[in-house]
Protein backbone atom coordinates (compact mmCIF):
# COMPACT_ATOMS: atom_id res chain seq x y z
CA UNK A 1 0.06 0.33 0.14
CA UNK A 2 2.65 2.30 0.90
CA UNK A 3 4.30 2.42 -2.47
CA UNK A 4 0.99 3.41 -4.04
CA UNK A 5 0.19 6.36 -1.81
CA UNK A 6 1.60 9.79 -1.87
CA UNK A 7 0.50 10.46 2.06
CA UNK A 8 3.97 9.99 4.29
CA UNK A 9 2.34 7.87 7.23
CA UNK A 10 1.69 9.23 10.49
CA UNK A 11 4.59 7.41 13.13
CA UNK A 12 2.26 7.08 15.49
CA UNK A 13 -0.56 5.16 13.27
CA UNK A 14 -3.82 6.50 12.41
CA UNK A 15 -5.27 3.57 14.73
CA UNK A 16 -4.60 5.34 17.69
CA UNK A 17 -6.12 8.65 16.56
CA UNK A 18 -9.09 7.12 14.78
CA UNK A 19 -10.09 5.30 18.02
CA UNK A 20 -10.30 8.97 19.10
CA UNK A 21 -12.23 10.04 16.32
CA UNK A 22 -14.57 6.99 16.34
CA UNK A 23 -15.77 7.54 20.33
CA UNK A 24 -16.95 11.34 19.42
CA UNK A 25 -18.05 11.90 16.11
CA UNK A 26 -20.59 9.42 15.16
CA UNK A 27 -22.97 10.64 17.81
CA UNK A 28 -22.71 14.52 16.04
CA UNK A 29 -22.94 12.93 12.38
CA UNK A 30 -25.88 14.13 10.13
CA UNK A 31 -26.70 11.72 6.74
CA UNK A 32 -24.87 14.42 4.47
CA UNK A 33 -21.73 13.37 5.85
CA UNK A 34 -21.94 9.96 5.00
CA UNK A 35 -22.10 10.51 0.90
CA UNK A 36 -18.96 9.42 -0.71
CA UNK A 37 -17.60 12.61 -2.12
CA UNK A 38 -14.84 13.06 0.63
CA UNK A 39 -13.71 9.60 0.42
CA UNK A 40 -13.49 9.93 -3.41
CA UNK A 41 -11.37 13.17 -2.74
CA UNK A 42 -9.07 10.86 -0.52
CA UNK A 43 -8.65 8.61 -2.74
CA UNK A 44 -7.55 11.17 -5.55
CA UNK A 45 -5.02 12.98 -3.14
CA UNK A 46 -3.49 9.69 -2.80
CA UNK A 47 -3.53 8.50 -6.64
CA UNK A 48 -4.29 4.53 -5.24
CA UNK A 49 -6.33 2.75 -8.15
CA UNK A 50 -9.97 1.64 -7.48
CA UNK A 51 -9.72 -1.42 -7.98
CA UNK A 52 -7.12 -2.00 -5.17
CA UNK A 53 -9.19 -0.02 -2.93
CA UNK A 54 -12.33 -2.06 -3.84
CA UNK A 55 -10.30 -5.29 -3.46
CA UNK A 56 -8.87 -4.44 -0.30
CA UNK A 57 -12.31 -3.89 0.47
CA UNK A 58 -13.89 -7.10 -0.33
CA UNK A 59 -16.57 -5.51 -2.92
CA UNK A 60 -17.02 -5.29 -6.89
CA UNK A 61 -15.09 -1.86 -8.84
CA UNK A 62 -18.76 -0.83 -9.38
CA UNK A 63 -20.38 -0.72 -5.90
CA UNK A 64 -17.28 1.30 -4.87
CA UNK A 65 -18.48 3.22 -7.63
CA UNK A 66 -21.54 3.72 -6.59
CA UNK A 67 -20.35 4.46 -3.12
CA UNK A 68 -18.20 7.06 -4.49
CA UNK A 69 -20.99 8.47 -7.02
CA UNK A 70 -23.61 9.13 -3.81
CA UNK A 71 -26.04 6.62 -5.11
CA UNK A 72 -25.33 3.86 -2.25
CA UNK A 73 -24.75 5.79 1.21
CA UNK A 74 -21.66 5.17 3.65
CA UNK A 75 -21.88 3.46 7.14
CA UNK A 76 -20.04 4.16 10.53
CA UNK A 77 -18.70 0.57 9.47
CA UNK A 78 -17.60 1.46 5.89
CA UNK A 79 -15.92 4.86 7.07
CA UNK A 80 -13.71 2.63 9.38
CA UNK A 81 -12.83 0.34 6.99
CA UNK A 82 -11.89 2.57 3.93
CA UNK A 83 -9.83 4.74 6.39
CA UNK A 84 -7.82 1.77 7.62
CA UNK A 85 -7.40 0.73 4.13
CA UNK A 86 -5.91 4.10 3.05
CA UNK A 87 -4.09 4.59 6.28
CA UNK A 88 -5.91 7.96 6.85
CA UNK A 89 -7.38 9.79 10.15
CA UNK A 90 -11.03 9.05 10.61
CA UNK A 91 -11.93 12.26 10.30
CA UNK A 92 -10.59 12.66 6.88
CA UNK A 93 -13.60 10.77 5.59
CA UNK A 94 -16.12 12.33 7.50
CA UNK A 95 -15.14 16.38 7.49
CA UNK A 96 -14.01 18.25 4.45
CA UNK A 97 -10.70 19.08 5.07
CA UNK A 98 -8.28 21.15 2.72
CA UNK A 99 -4.94 21.20 2.23
CA UNK A 100 -2.52 23.79 3.36
CA UNK A 101 -0.71 25.58 1.41
CA UNK A 102 3.50 26.09 2.35
CA UNK A 103 4.35 28.72 0.77
CA UNK A 104 8.17 28.83 2.14
CA UNK A 105 10.50 27.74 4.78
CA UNK A 106 12.57 29.90 7.55
CA UNK A 107 16.17 29.49 7.40
CA UNK A 108 18.45 30.30 10.24
CA UNK A 109 15.76 30.51 12.78
CA UNK A 110 13.87 33.60 11.14
CA UNK A 111 14.81 34.61 8.01
CA UNK A 112 11.79 33.37 5.61
CA UNK A 113 12.11 32.23 1.79
CA UNK A 114 9.17 32.65 0.46
CA UNK A 115 8.17 30.92 -2.89
CA UNK A 116 7.78 32.98 -6.15
CA UNK A 117 5.56 32.49 -8.84
CA UNK A 118 7.51 29.85 -10.72
CA UNK A 119 7.84 27.35 -8.07
CA UNK A 120 5.49 24.12 -7.08
CA UNK A 121 3.60 25.19 -4.03
CA UNK A 122 3.67 21.96 -1.44
CA UNK A 123 0.60 20.93 0.29
CA UNK A 124 0.37 19.24 4.06
CA UNK A 125 -3.43 17.55 4.67
CA UNK A 126 -4.24 18.60 8.50
CA UNK A 127 -5.88 16.45 10.75
CA UNK A 128 -8.55 18.66 11.29
CA UNK A 129 -10.17 21.93 9.58
CA UNK A 130 -8.15 24.92 9.20
CA UNK A 131 -9.43 28.45 8.03
CA UNK A 132 -9.04 28.02 4.29
CA UNK A 133 -6.69 31.37 4.80
CA UNK A 134 -4.10 29.81 6.89
CA UNK A 135 -0.86 29.37 5.11
CA UNK A 136 2.26 27.45 6.48
CA UNK A 137 5.81 27.74 6.20
CA UNK A 138 8.28 24.79 7.29
CA UNK A 139 11.32 24.74 9.71
CA UNK A 140 13.66 21.70 9.51
CA UNK A 141 15.70 21.57 12.72
CA UNK A 142 17.53 18.60 13.31
CA UNK A 143 16.39 16.79 10.53
CA UNK A 144 13.16 17.46 12.37
CA UNK A 145 9.99 19.05 10.24
CA UNK A 146 8.43 21.87 11.92
CA UNK A 147 5.29 24.03 10.78
CA UNK A 148 4.56 27.99 11.75
CA UNK A 149 0.71 28.91 10.25
CA UNK A 150 -0.02 32.30 9.66
CA UNK A 151 -3.14 33.88 8.08
CA UNK A 152 -2.44 35.03 4.09
CA UNK A 153 -4.79 37.68 3.88
CA UNK A 154 -2.41 40.56 5.23
CA UNK A 155 0.49 39.46 2.83
CA UNK A 156 -1.94 40.14 -0.39
CA UNK A 157 -3.69 42.86 1.70
CA UNK A 158 -0.18 44.21 1.95
CA UNK A 159 -1.24 45.01 5.55
CA UNK A 160 -0.24 45.13 9.41
CA UNK A 161 -2.58 42.65 11.93
CA UNK A 162 -2.24 45.06 15.34
CA UNK A 163 -2.35 41.45 16.90
CA UNK A 164 1.47 41.19 15.71
CA UNK A 165 2.92 44.09 18.23
CA UNK A 166 4.69 42.12 20.97
CA UNK A 167 3.99 38.69 19.37
CA UNK A 168 5.81 36.25 17.12
CA UNK A 169 4.23 37.31 13.79
CA UNK A 170 6.09 36.79 9.92
CA UNK A 171 6.90 40.34 8.27
CA UNK A 172 8.16 41.95 5.23
CA UNK A 173 10.22 44.83 5.20
CA UNK A 174 10.38 47.71 2.32
CA UNK A 175 13.10 48.66 0.26
CA UNK A 176 13.14 51.21 2.57
CA UNK A 177 12.87 49.32 5.85
CA UNK A 178 15.51 46.79 4.17
CA UNK A 179 17.97 49.44 3.83
CA UNK A 180 17.73 51.04 7.13
CA UNK A 181 17.63 47.09 8.78
CA UNK A 182 20.86 46.45 7.16
CA UNK A 183 22.85 49.91 8.28
CA UNK A 184 21.83 48.83 11.87
CA UNK A 185 23.81 45.58 11.83
CA UNK A 186 26.89 45.11 12.58
CA UNK A 187 27.26 41.25 12.42
CA UNK A 188 24.87 39.81 10.68
CA UNK A 189 24.52 40.19 6.65
CA UNK A 190 20.83 40.60 5.43
CA UNK A 191 19.86 39.03 2.30
CA UNK A 192 16.31 38.33 3.34
CA UNK A 193 13.70 40.89 3.32
CA UNK A 194 10.93 38.76 5.46
CA UNK A 195 11.58 38.05 8.36
CA UNK A 196 10.26 35.79 11.56
CA UNK A 197 10.41 38.11 15.00
CA UNK A 198 8.73 40.21 17.35
CA UNK A 199 7.09 43.56 16.36
CA UNK A 200 6.85 47.22 18.34
CA UNK A 201 4.83 50.30 16.57
CA UNK A 202 7.09 53.41 16.79
CA UNK A 203 5.54 56.71 15.93
CA UNK A 204 4.81 57.69 12.24
CA UNK A 205 4.12 53.74 11.30
CA UNK A 206 7.30 52.57 11.82
CA UNK A 207 8.23 49.49 13.82
CA UNK A 208 10.99 48.01 15.98
CA UNK A 209 11.68 44.49 15.48
CA UNK A 210 13.46 41.97 17.99
CA UNK A 211 15.32 40.00 16.64
CA UNK A 212 14.15 35.67 16.77
CA UNK A 213 17.55 34.46 16.09
CA UNK A 214 19.62 36.85 17.63
CA UNK A 215 17.86 37.64 21.28
CA UNK A 216 18.51 40.97 22.84
CA UNK A 217 19.18 42.08 18.84
CA UNK A 218 16.45 45.24 17.88
CA UNK A 219 16.28 47.09 14.74
CA UNK A 220 14.20 50.25 14.98
CA UNK A 221 12.36 52.57 12.67
CA UNK A 222 11.48 50.25 10.11
CA UNK A 223 9.09 50.68 7.07
CA UNK A 224 6.98 47.12 6.73
CA UNK A 225 5.05 45.95 3.54
CA UNK A 226 3.06 43.63 5.84
CA UNK A 227 2.99 41.43 9.02
CA UNK A 228 0.92 38.81 10.69
CA UNK A 229 1.16 37.09 13.75
CA UNK A 230 1.97 33.49 13.93
CA UNK A 231 -1.04 31.92 14.47
CA UNK A 232 0.13 28.18 15.45
CA UNK A 233 3.10 26.28 15.59
CA UNK A 234 3.46 22.59 15.45
CA UNK A 235 6.60 20.60 16.23
CA UNK A 236 7.20 17.66 14.19
CA UNK A 237 3.04 17.95 12.34
CA UNK A 238 3.51 14.28 11.46
CA UNK A 239 3.50 13.01 14.81
CA UNK A 240 0.20 15.21 14.99
CA UNK A 241 -1.59 13.18 12.29
CA UNK A 242 -0.14 15.83 9.57
CA UNK A 243 0.36 14.29 6.12
CA UNK A 244 2.33 15.21 2.64
CA UNK A 245 0.32 15.16 -0.48
CA UNK A 246 1.67 15.87 -3.75
């Protein structure tokens, strides 16, 4: 099964997570949760052949096709069996969960490298529903993947969220702000204009940025293009049920 899936398996196994979901979700379900469109999405994400799924389930391909089209509804037992066949979270087949786009990665603790339009955007599937405007940044530390989440609307609107103040956030300097920061740096070579750090407002729409990589280092009077707070940080997201979707 592993060779046919594009999903990295959860190291702690989905069975443990599924036990929790199976205990609590059935009481909340309505009939419209039991159609096959979410199962169809899960199969398509993994690129698994439908005949293989039908064989594992012990049904004919035509029966599976009727389930996927909604002509036959799915029982909770069906959901449980399909989650084990696909090695996916139980919730993925019950709730419409969208993948989170990974827009870049963090290097040297605080420097953010955002992908440009020519680069392929990676996606991670969370084990629970996340607002569609949330996007992620990857950070590898000692060969371990970590994940930052933030609201991309501030990036698109070129706005600065006041909730960034005195909080960890992602921020992008204008060219003027970038030059100002470089002029204040004596030991660090600035090669990027987007960072993780702590933000403090100053008069005349300028800001002080406290370095995440170098505690105690501050850059004052910076002009920013946009800033958004870090809304979540996941250490080893795969251990929490996140999955890599190609």
